[in-house]
Amino acid sequence: MTNLVCESKTPLLTSSIHLPSSATGDDRILAAIDVGTNSIHMVVVKIQPTLPAFTIIAREKATVRLGDRDKRPDA
């Protein structure tokens, strides 16, 4: 079994993903991270090139509200 650890400096996205040992060989593990204005999404998939297909191993979501700002009194 392989461990994939994703950590950030803030506790918003901290996870440990345990990958099955069958994820070796021709299978590839990929992660996609989407950073938006209000949330961050991460999806980890195992790609099976012989089919071709993929299986979602893990997904994370955190609300970050990057678009929210303190309104300045002079604005």
C-alpha atoms as a PDB file:
ATOM      1  CA  MET A   1       0.000   0.000   0.000  1.00  0.00           C
ATOM      2  CA  THR A   2       1.240   3.471  -0.889  1.00  0.00           C
ATOM      3  CA  ASN A   3       0.491   6.589   1.119  1.00  0.00           C
ATOM      4  CA  LEU A   4      -0.139   9.876  -0.625  1.00  0.00           C
ATOM      5  CA  VAL A   5      -0.221  12.831   1.736  1.00  0.00           C
ATOM      6  CA  CYS A   6      -1.570  16.226   0.789  1.00  0.00           C
ATOM      7  CA  GLU A   7      -0.892  18.953   3.313  1.00  0.00           C
ATOM      8  CA  SER A   8      -1.244  22.698   3.294  1.00  0.00           C
ATOM      9  CA  LYS A   9      -0.042  25.401   5.654  1.00  0.00           C
ATOM     10  CA  THR A  10      -3.618  25.968   6.735  1.00  0.00           C
ATOM     11  CA  PRO A  11      -5.832  23.144   8.002  1.00  0.00           C
ATOM     12  CA  LEU A  12      -8.255  23.570   5.073  1.00  0.00           C
ATOM     13  CA  LEU A  13      -6.972  20.705   2.956  1.00  0.00           C
ATOM     14  CA  THR A  14      -5.040  18.116   4.923  1.00  0.00           C
ATOM     15  CA  SER A  15      -5.655  14.509   4.070  1.00  0.00           C
ATOM     16  CA  SER A  16      -3.911  11.192   3.860  1.00  0.00           C
ATOM     17  CA  ILE A  17      -4.935   8.912   1.024  1.00  0.00           C
ATOM     18  CA  HIS A  18      -4.093   5.225   1.170  1.00  0.00           C
ATOM     19  CA  LEU A  19      -3.617   3.834  -2.311  1.00  0.00           C
ATOM     20  CA  PRO A  20      -4.191   0.127  -2.868  1.00  0.00           C
ATOM     21  CA  SER A  21      -1.144  -1.897  -3.865  1.00  0.00           C
ATOM     22  CA  SER A  22      -3.004  -2.855  -7.063  1.00  0.00           C
ATOM     23  CA  ALA A  23      -2.404   0.729  -8.209  1.00  0.00           C
ATOM     24  CA  THR A  24       1.051  -0.233  -9.433  1.00  0.00           C
ATOM     25  CA  GLY A  25       2.066  -1.573 -12.816  1.00  0.00           C
ATOM     26  CA  ASP A  26       0.377   0.002 -15.851  1.00  0.00           C
ATOM     27  CA  ASP A  27      -2.124   1.931 -13.710  1.00  0.00           C
ATOM     28  CA  ARG A  28      -1.273   5.587 -13.134  1.00  0.00           C
ATOM     29  CA  ILE A  29      -2.360   7.837 -10.281  1.00  0.00           C
ATOM     30  CA  LEU A  30      -3.214  11.443 -11.149  1.00  0.00           C
ATOM     31  CA  ALA A  31      -4.500  14.334  -9.075  1.00  0.00           C
ATOM     32  CA  ALA A  32      -6.350  17.402 -10.316  1.00  0.00           C
ATOM     33  CA  ILE A  33      -6.639  20.518  -8.173  1.00  0.00           C
ATOM     34  CA  ASP A  34      -9.119  23.286  -8.971  1.00  0.00           C
ATOM     35  CA  VAL A  35      -8.585  26.548  -7.092  1.00  0.00           C
ATOM     36  CA  GLY A  36     -11.579  28.813  -7.438  1.00  0.00           C
ATOM     37  CA  THR A  37     -12.752  32.041  -5.884  1.00  0.00           C
ATOM     38  CA  ASN A  38     -14.767  30.363  -3.146  1.00  0.00           C
ATOM     39  CA  SER A  39     -13.526  26.782  -2.941  1.00  0.00           C
ATOM     40  CA  ILE A  40     -10.671  24.387  -3.645  1.00  0.00           C
ATOM     41  CA  HIS A  41     -11.377  20.932  -5.080  1.00  0.00           C
ATOM     42  CA  MET A  42      -8.979  18.012  -5.409  1.00  0.00           C
ATOM     43  CA  VAL A  43      -9.707  14.698  -7.127  1.00  0.00           C
ATOM     44  CA  VAL A  44      -7.302  11.726  -7.195  1.00  0.00           C
ATOM     45  CA  VAL A  45      -7.921   9.064  -9.848  1.00  0.00           C
ATOM     46  CA  LYS A  46      -6.393   5.768 -10.895  1.00  0.00           C
ATOM     47  CA  ILE A  47      -6.163   5.531 -14.684  1.00  0.00           C
ATOM     48  CA  GLN A  48      -6.436   2.095 -16.256  1.00  0.00           C
ATOM     49  CA  PRO A  49      -4.954   2.538 -19.753  1.00  0.00           C
ATOM     50  CA  THR A  50      -5.997  -0.899 -21.003  1.00  0.00           C
ATOM     51  CA  LEU A  51      -9.724  -0.041 -20.866  1.00  0.00           C
ATOM     52  CA  PRO A  52      -9.257   3.182 -21.027  1.00  0.00           C
ATOM     53  CA  ALA A  53     -11.045   4.196 -17.842  1.00  0.00           C
ATOM     54  CA  PHE A  54     -10.439   5.789 -14.477  1.00  0.00           C
ATOM     55  CA  THR A  55     -11.579   5.230 -10.908  1.00  0.00           C
ATOM     56  CA  ILE A  56     -11.918   8.040  -8.389  1.00  0.00           C
ATOM     57  CA  ILE A  57      -9.762   7.149  -5.384  1.00  0.00           C
ATOM     58  CA  ALA A  58     -10.358  10.259  -3.297  1.00  0.00           C
ATOM     59  CA  ARG A  59     -11.830  13.720  -3.458  1.00  0.00           C
ATOM     60  CA  GLU A  60     -11.576  16.718  -1.167  1.00  0.00           C
ATOM     61  CA  LYS A  61     -13.323  20.067  -1.060  1.00  0.00           C
ATOM     62  CA  ALA A  62     -12.692  23.101   1.113  1.00  0.00           C
ATOM     63  CA  THR A  63     -14.498  26.410   1.223  1.00  0.00           C
ATOM     64  CA  VAL A  64     -11.933  29.222   1.211  1.00  0.00           C
ATOM     65  CA  ARG A  65     -13.890  32.346   0.204  1.00  0.00           C
ATOM     66  CA  LEU A  66     -10.958  33.983  -1.578  1.00  0.00           C
ATOM     67  CA  GLY A  67     -13.456  36.326  -3.216  1.00  0.00           C
ATOM     68  CA  ASP A  68     -14.637  37.736   0.115  1.00  0.00           C
ATOM     69  CA  ARG A  69     -12.692  40.830   1.043  1.00  0.00           C
ATOM     70  CA  ASP A  70     -13.060  43.390   3.757  1.00  0.00           C
ATOM     71  CA  LYS A  71     -14.881  46.348   2.308  1.00  0.00           C
ATOM     72  CA  ARG A  72     -12.833  49.503   2.619  1.00  0.00           C
ATOM     73  CA  PRO A  73     -14.706  52.416   4.207  1.00  0.00           C
ATOM     74  CA  ASP A  74     -13.667  54.739   1.366  1.00  0.00           C
ATOM     75  CA  ALA A  75     -14.964  52.419  -1.380  1.00  0.00           C
END
